Amino acid sequence: MPLSVALIDSTMNAYVNHIVMLPIEFPCGYLCTPEFFMTKLEGTYPAVLSYSWLYQCNPIINWIMGTMTC
């Protein structure tokens, strides 16, 4: 059964095709391996990070440079 995705605008018109775990190592040495839910999104968004991941990792996000650090 496909897993539906609730998008930021509350629509539910996307479905997860695959789930992959990819390690991410921050410059400070912090390593995490989050699950990435793969789906086709409209627009040019390469990834959408979940609130639960952001809360758990609490990265420092530089919106101008498009970077994250721990």
PDB file of N, CA and C in Angstrom:
ATOM      1  N   MET A   1       0.845  -1.179   0.000  1.00  0.00           N
ATOM      2  CA  MET A   1       0.000   0.000   0.000  1.00  0.00           C
ATOM      3  C   MET A   1       0.890   1.243   0.000  1.00  0.00           C
ATOM      4  N   PRO A   2       0.707   2.145  -0.945  1.00  0.00           N
ATOM      5  CA  PRO A   2       1.538   3.354  -0.995  1.00  0.00           C
ATOM      6  C   PRO A   2       1.295   4.251   0.213  1.00  0.00           C
ATOM      7  N   LEU A   3       2.343   4.932   0.629  1.00  0.00           N
ATOM      8  CA  LEU A   3       2.269   5.871   1.740  1.00  0.00           C
ATOM      9  C   LEU A   3       1.998   7.250   1.171  1.00  0.00           C
ATOM     10  N   SER A   4       0.891   7.883   1.585  1.00  0.00           N
ATOM     11  CA  SER A   4       0.581   9.213   1.078  1.00  0.00           C
ATOM     12  C   SER A   4       1.385  10.260   1.841  1.00  0.00           C
ATOM     13  N   VAL A   5       1.642  11.377   1.180  1.00  0.00           N
ATOM     14  CA  VAL A   5       2.452  12.451   1.741  1.00  0.00           C
ATOM     15  C   VAL A   5       1.580  13.684   1.918  1.00  0.00           C
ATOM     16  N   ALA A   6       1.545  14.225   3.138  1.00  0.00           N
ATOM     17  CA  ALA A   6       0.855  15.490   3.377  1.00  0.00           C
ATOM     18  C   ALA A   6       1.846  16.604   3.105  1.00  0.00           C
ATOM     19  N   LEU A   7       1.572  17.401   2.091  1.00  0.00           N
ATOM     20  CA  LEU A   7       2.473  18.477   1.712  1.00  0.00           C
ATOM     21  C   LEU A   7       2.272  19.687   2.611  1.00  0.00           C
ATOM     22  N   ILE A   8       3.173  20.647   2.510  1.00  0.00           N
ATOM     23  CA  ILE A   8       3.151  21.819   3.388  1.00  0.00           C
ATOM     24  C   ILE A   8       1.866  22.617   3.255  1.00  0.00           C
ATOM     25  N   ASP A   9       1.214  22.559   2.082  1.00  0.00           N
ATOM     26  CA  ASP A   9      -0.042  23.288   1.889  1.00  0.00           C
ATOM     27  C   ASP A   9      -1.257  22.433   2.261  1.00  0.00           C
ATOM     28  N   SER A  10      -1.028  21.320   2.949  1.00  0.00           N
ATOM     29  CA  SER A  10      -2.058  20.388   3.440  1.00  0.00           C
ATOM     30  C   SER A  10      -2.673  19.502   2.361  1.00  0.00           C
ATOM     31  N   THR A  11      -2.229  19.605   1.119  1.00  0.00           N
ATOM     32  CA  THR A  11      -2.736  18.698   0.095  1.00  0.00           C
ATOM     33  C   THR A  11      -2.079  17.332   0.269  1.00  0.00           C
ATOM     34  N   MET A  12      -2.759  16.312  -0.220  1.00  0.00           N
ATOM     35  CA  MET A  12      -2.246  14.952  -0.117  1.00  0.00           C
ATOM     36  C   MET A  12      -2.304  14.300  -1.491  1.00  0.00           C
ATOM     37  N   ASN A  13      -1.563  14.857  -2.442  1.00  0.00           N
ATOM     38  CA  ASN A  13      -1.613  14.329  -3.798  1.00  0.00           C
ATOM     39  C   ASN A  13      -0.298  13.689  -4.221  1.00  0.00           C
ATOM     40  N   ALA A  14       0.564  13.355  -3.259  1.00  0.00           N
ATOM     41  CA  ALA A  14       1.836  12.707  -3.565  1.00  0.00           C
ATOM     42  C   ALA A  14       1.919  11.397  -2.793  1.00  0.00           C
ATOM     43  N   TYR A  15       2.647  10.450  -3.348  1.00  0.00           N
ATOM     44  CA  TYR A  15       2.824   9.148  -2.714  1.00  0.00           C
ATOM     45  C   TYR A  15       4.305   8.792  -2.680  1.00  0.00           C
ATOM     46  N   VAL A  16       4.734   8.141  -1.609  1.00  0.00           N
ATOM     47  CA  VAL A  16       6.118   7.709  -1.468  1.00  0.00           C
ATOM     48  C   VAL A  16       6.358   6.530  -2.394  1.00  0.00           C
ATOM     49  N   ASN A  17       7.415   6.639  -3.224  1.00  0.00           N
ATOM     50  CA  ASN A  17       7.785   5.569  -4.137  1.00  0.00           C
ATOM     51  C   ASN A  17       8.829   4.641  -3.532  1.00  0.00           C
ATOM     52  N   HIS A  18       9.792   5.229  -2.804  1.00  0.00           N
ATOM     53  CA  HIS A  18      10.875   4.466  -2.180  1.00  0.00           C
ATOM     54  C   HIS A  18      11.272   5.160  -0.881  1.00  0.00           C
ATOM     55  N   ILE A  19      11.868   4.383   0.017  1.00  0.00           N
ATOM     56  CA  ILE A  19      12.433   4.935   1.239  1.00  0.00           C
ATOM     57  C   ILE A  19      13.901   4.532   1.263  1.00  0.00           C
ATOM     58  N   VAL A  20      14.789   5.519   1.408  1.00  0.00           N
ATOM     59  CA  VAL A  20      16.227   5.246   1.475  1.00  0.00           C
ATOM     60  C   VAL A  20      16.806   5.921   2.705  1.00  0.00           C
ATOM     61  N   MET A  21      17.837   5.318   3.250  1.00  0.00           N
ATOM     62  CA  MET A  21      18.543   5.902   4.391  1.00  0.00           C
ATOM     63  C   MET A  21      19.898   6.376   3.890  1.00  0.00           C
ATOM     64  N   LEU A  22      20.152   7.677   4.032  1.00  0.00           N
ATOM     65  CA  LEU A  22      21.397   8.268   3.559  1.00  0.00           C
ATOM     66  C   LEU A  22      22.134   8.930   4.709  1.00  0.00           C
ATOM     67  N   PRO A  23      23.411   8.573   4.911  1.00  0.00           N
ATOM     68  CA  PRO A  23      24.173   9.233   5.976  1.00  0.00           C
ATOM     69  C   PRO A  23      24.509  10.666   5.597  1.00  0.00           C
ATOM     70  N   ILE A  24      24.382  11.560   6.563  1.00  0.00           N
ATOM     71  CA  ILE A  24      24.748  12.964   6.395  1.00  0.00           C
ATOM     72  C   ILE A  24      25.764  13.288   7.481  1.00  0.00           C
ATOM     73  N   GLU A  25      26.943  13.769   7.066  1.00  0.00           N
ATOM     74  CA  GLU A  25      27.956  14.176   8.036  1.00  0.00           C
ATOM     75  C   GLU A  25      28.140  15.682   7.944  1.00  0.00           C
ATOM     76  N   PHE A  26      27.917  16.350   9.064  1.00  0.00           N
ATOM     77  CA  PHE A  26      28.088  17.794   9.135  1.00  0.00           C
ATOM     78  C   PHE A  26      29.565  18.113   9.341  1.00  0.00           C
ATOM     79  N   PRO A  27      30.000  19.331   8.966  1.00  0.00           N
ATOM     80  CA  PRO A  27      31.408  19.716   9.138  1.00  0.00           C
ATOM     81  C   PRO A  27      31.916  19.573  10.576  1.00  0.00           C
ATOM     82  N   CYS A  28      31.024  19.660  11.565  1.00  0.00           N
ATOM     83  CA  CYS A  28      31.448  19.530  12.967  1.00  0.00           C
ATOM     84  C   CYS A  28      31.701  18.084  13.359  1.00  0.00           C
ATOM     85  N   GLY A  29      31.417  17.144  12.449  1.00  0.00           N
ATOM     86  CA  GLY A  29      31.630  15.730  12.735  1.00  0.00           C
ATOM     87  C   GLY A  29      30.367  14.973  13.106  1.00  0.00           C
ATOM     88  N   TYR A  30      29.263  15.671  13.333  1.00  0.00           N
ATOM     89  CA  TYR A  30      28.000  15.014  13.675  1.00  0.00           C
ATOM     90  C   TYR A  30      27.510  14.205  12.483  1.00  0.00           C
ATOM     91  N   LEU A  31      27.171  12.962  12.716  1.00  0.00           N
ATOM     92  CA  LEU A  31      26.690  12.065  11.660  1.00  0.00           C
ATOM     93  C   LEU A  31      25.295  11.581  12.012  1.00  0.00           C
ATOM     94  N   CYS A  32      24.390  11.666  11.053  1.00  0.00           N
ATOM     95  CA  CYS A  32      23.050  11.112  11.245  1.00  0.00           C
ATOM     96  C   CYS A  32      22.660  10.396   9.947  1.00  0.00           C
ATOM     97  N   THR A  33      21.722   9.489  10.063  1.00  0.00           N
ATOM     98  CA  THR A  33      21.272   8.728   8.903  1.00  0.00           C
ATOM     99  C   THR A  33      19.750   8.767   8.838  1.00  0.00           C
ATOM    100  N   PRO A  34      19.204   9.860   8.327  1.00  0.00           N
ATOM    101  CA  PRO A  34      17.744   9.973   8.260  1.00  0.00           C
ATOM    102  C   PRO A  34      17.164   9.165   7.106  1.00  0.00           C
ATOM    103  N   GLU A  35      15.893   8.857   7.231  1.00  0.00           N
ATOM    104  CA  GLU A  35      15.160   8.231   6.134  1.00  0.00           C
ATOM    105  C   GLU A  35      14.712   9.320   5.170  1.00  0.00           C
ATOM    106  N   PHE A  36      14.896   9.076   3.891  1.00  0.00           N
ATOM    107  CA  PHE A  36      14.384   9.966   2.862  1.00  0.00           C
ATOM    108  C   PHE A  36      13.256   9.248   2.150  1.00  0.00           C
ATOM    109  N   PHE A  37      12.091   9.866   2.112  1.00  0.00           N
ATOM    110  CA  PHE A  37      10.929   9.322   1.434  1.00  0.00           C
ATOM    111  C   PHE A  37      10.913   9.889   0.023  1.00  0.00           C
ATOM    112  N   MET A  38      11.091   9.045  -0.954  1.00  0.00           N
ATOM    113  CA  MET A  38      11.229   9.487  -2.339  1.00  0.00           C
ATOM    114  C   MET A  38       9.857   9.591  -3.003  1.00  0.00           C
ATOM    115  N   THR A  39       9.602  10.757  -3.591  1.00  0.00           N
ATOM    116  CA  THR A  39       8.363  10.988  -4.313  1.00  0.00           C
ATOM    117  C   THR A  39       8.610  12.064  -5.359  1.00  0.00           C
ATOM    118  N   LYS A  40       7.761  12.139  -6.337  1.00  0.00           N
ATOM    119  CA  LYS A  40       7.878  13.184  -7.350  1.00  0.00           C
ATOM    120  C   LYS A  40       7.135  14.408  -6.846  1.00  0.00           C
ATOM    121  N   LEU A  41       7.857  15.520  -6.733  1.00  0.00           N
ATOM    122  CA  LEU A  41       7.264  16.777  -6.295  1.00  0.00           C
ATOM    123  C   LEU A  41       7.208  17.744  -7.459  1.00  0.00           C
ATOM    124  N   GLU A  42       6.177  18.565  -7.472  1.00  0.00           N
ATOM    125  CA  GLU A  42       6.107  19.621  -8.474  1.00  0.00           C
ATOM    126  C   GLU A  42       7.086  20.727  -8.085  1.00  0.00           C
ATOM    127  N   GLY A  43       7.603  21.423  -9.050  1.00  0.00           N
ATOM    128  CA  GLY A  43       8.531  22.504  -8.757  1.00  0.00           C
ATOM    129  C   GLY A  43       9.967  22.019  -8.736  1.00  0.00           C
ATOM    130  N   THR A  44      10.798  22.776  -8.090  1.00  0.00           N
ATOM    131  CA  THR A  44      12.234  22.499  -8.122  1.00  0.00           C
ATOM    132  C   THR A  44      12.798  22.147  -6.754  1.00  0.00           C
ATOM    133  N   TYR A  45      12.002  21.596  -5.852  1.00  0.00           N
ATOM    134  CA  TYR A  45      12.479  21.272  -4.516  1.00  0.00           C
ATOM    135  C   TYR A  45      13.244  19.955  -4.547  1.00  0.00           C
ATOM    136  N   PRO A  46      14.568  19.978  -4.232  1.00  0.00           N
ATOM    137  CA  PRO A  46      15.337  18.740  -4.246  1.00  0.00           C
ATOM    138  C   PRO A  46      15.019  17.847  -3.042  1.00  0.00           C
ATOM    139  N   ALA A  47      14.609  18.459  -1.932  1.00  0.00           N
ATOM    140  CA  ALA A  47      14.277  17.691  -0.727  1.00  0.00           C
ATOM    141  C   ALA A  47      13.395  18.534   0.174  1.00  0.00           C
ATOM    142  N   VAL A  48      12.572  17.861   0.945  1.00  0.00           N
ATOM    143  CA  VAL A  48      11.744  18.518   1.950  1.00  0.00           C
ATOM    144  C   VAL A  48      12.081  17.846   3.273  1.00  0.00           C
ATOM    145  N   LEU A  49      12.576  18.612   4.232  1.00  0.00           N
ATOM    146  CA  LEU A  49      12.956  18.066   5.528  1.00  0.00           C
ATOM    147  C   LEU A  49      11.764  18.117   6.470  1.00  0.00           C
ATOM    148  N   SER A  50      11.594  17.060   7.245  1.00  0.00           N
ATOM    149  CA  SER A  50      10.451  17.008   8.155  1.00  0.00           C
ATOM    150  C   SER A  50      10.735  17.795   9.426  1.00  0.00           C
ATOM    151  N   TYR A  51       9.688  18.249  10.047  1.00  0.00           N
ATOM    152  CA  TYR A  51       9.817  18.973  11.309  1.00  0.00           C
ATOM    153  C   TYR A  51      10.473  18.089  12.362  1.00  0.00           C
ATOM    154  N   SER A  52      10.098  16.804  12.404  1.00  0.00           N
ATOM    155  CA  SER A  52      10.660  15.916  13.428  1.00  0.00           C
ATOM    156  C   SER A  52      12.174  15.770  13.265  1.00  0.00           C
ATOM    157  N   TRP A  53      12.665  15.723  12.011  1.00  0.00           N
ATOM    158  CA  TRP A  53      14.113  15.638  11.792  1.00  0.00           C
ATOM    159  C   TRP A  53      14.785  16.945  12.203  1.00  0.00           C
ATOM    160  N   LEU A  54      14.212  18.065  11.813  1.00  0.00           N
ATOM    161  CA  LEU A  54      14.777  19.364  12.183  1.00  0.00           C
ATOM    162  C   LEU A  54      14.810  19.532  13.699  1.00  0.00           C
ATOM    163  N   TYR A  55      13.758  19.087  14.377  1.00  0.00           N
ATOM    164  CA  TYR A  55      13.693  19.187  15.834  1.00  0.00           C
ATOM    165  C   TYR A  55      14.763  18.325  16.479  1.00  0.00           C
ATOM    166  N   GLN A  56      14.927  17.091  15.979  1.00  0.00           N
ATOM    167  CA  GLN A  56      15.897  16.154  16.556  1.00  0.00           C
ATOM    168  C   GLN A  56      17.334  16.620  16.328  1.00  0.00           C
ATOM    169  N   CYS A  57      17.672  17.019  15.122  1.00  0.00           N
ATOM    170  CA  CYS A  57      19.047  17.405  14.790  1.00  0.00           C
ATOM    171  C   CYS A  57      19.353  18.859  15.123  1.00  0.00           C
ATOM    172  N   ASN A  58      18.336  19.711  15.102  1.00  0.00           N
ATOM    173  CA  ASN A  58      18.464  21.127  15.427  1.00  0.00           C
ATOM    174  C   ASN A  58      19.642  21.791  14.707  1.00  0.00           C
ATOM    175  N   PRO A  59      19.691  21.675  13.366  1.00  0.00           N
ATOM    176  CA  PRO A  59      20.816  22.267  12.646  1.00  0.00           C
ATOM    177  C   PRO A  59      20.726  23.788  12.607  1.00  0.00           C
ATOM    178  N   ILE A  60      21.868  24.411  12.370  1.00  0.00           N
ATOM    179  CA  ILE A  60      21.921  25.860  12.138  1.00  0.00           C
ATOM    180  C   ILE A  60      21.787  26.039  10.630  1.00  0.00           C
ATOM    181  N   ILE A  61      20.742  26.735  10.205  1.00  0.00           N
ATOM    182  CA  ILE A  61      20.461  26.876   8.780  1.00  0.00           C
ATOM    183  C   ILE A  61      20.785  28.298   8.337  1.00  0.00           C
ATOM    184  N   ASN A  62      21.653  28.401   7.339  1.00  0.00           N
ATOM    185  CA  ASN A  62      21.950  29.695   6.716  1.00  0.00           C
ATOM    186  C   ASN A  62      21.119  29.760   5.445  1.00  0.00           C
ATOM    187  N   TRP A  63      19.994  30.448   5.513  1.00  0.00           N
ATOM    188  CA  TRP A  63      19.049  30.489   4.401  1.00  0.00           C
ATOM    189  C   TRP A  63      19.648  31.196   3.184  1.00  0.00           C
ATOM    190  N   ILE A  64      20.495  32.201   3.397  1.00  0.00           N
ATOM    191  CA  ILE A  64      21.095  32.938   2.281  1.00  0.00           C
ATOM    192  C   ILE A  64      22.094  32.072   1.525  1.00  0.00           C
ATOM    193  N   MET A  65      22.954  31.358   2.256  1.00  0.00           N
ATOM    194  CA  MET A  65      23.963  30.519   1.618  1.00  0.00           C
ATOM    195  C   MET A  65      23.422  29.140   1.230  1.00  0.00           C
ATOM    196  N   GLY A  66      22.280  28.741   1.797  1.00  0.00           N
ATOM    197  CA  GLY A  66      21.717  27.427   1.509  1.00  0.00           C
ATOM    198  C   GLY A  66      22.522  26.306   2.148  1.00  0.00           C
ATOM    199  N   THR A  67      23.009  26.544   3.385  1.00  0.00           N
ATOM    200  CA  THR A  67      23.830  25.544   4.076  1.00  0.00           C
ATOM    201  C   THR A  67      23.258  25.227   5.453  1.00  0.00           C
ATOM    202  N   MET A  68      23.652  24.058   5.978  1.00  0.00           N
ATOM    203  CA  MET A  68      23.293  23.648   7.334  1.00  0.00           C
ATOM    204  C   MET A  68      24.552  23.208   8.049  1.00  0.00           C
ATOM    205  N   THR A  69      24.665  23.544   9.320  1.00  0.00           N
ATOM    206  CA  THR A  69      25.743  23.070  10.170  1.00  0.00           C
ATOM    207  C   THR A  69      25.137  22.664  11.499  1.00  0.00           C
ATOM    208  N   CYS A  70      25.955  21.984  12.318  1.00  0.00           N
ATOM    209  CA  CYS A  70      25.439  21.566  13.626  1.00  0.00           C
ATOM    210  C   CYS A  70      25.894  22.520  14.705  1.00  0.00           C
TER     211      CYS A  70
END
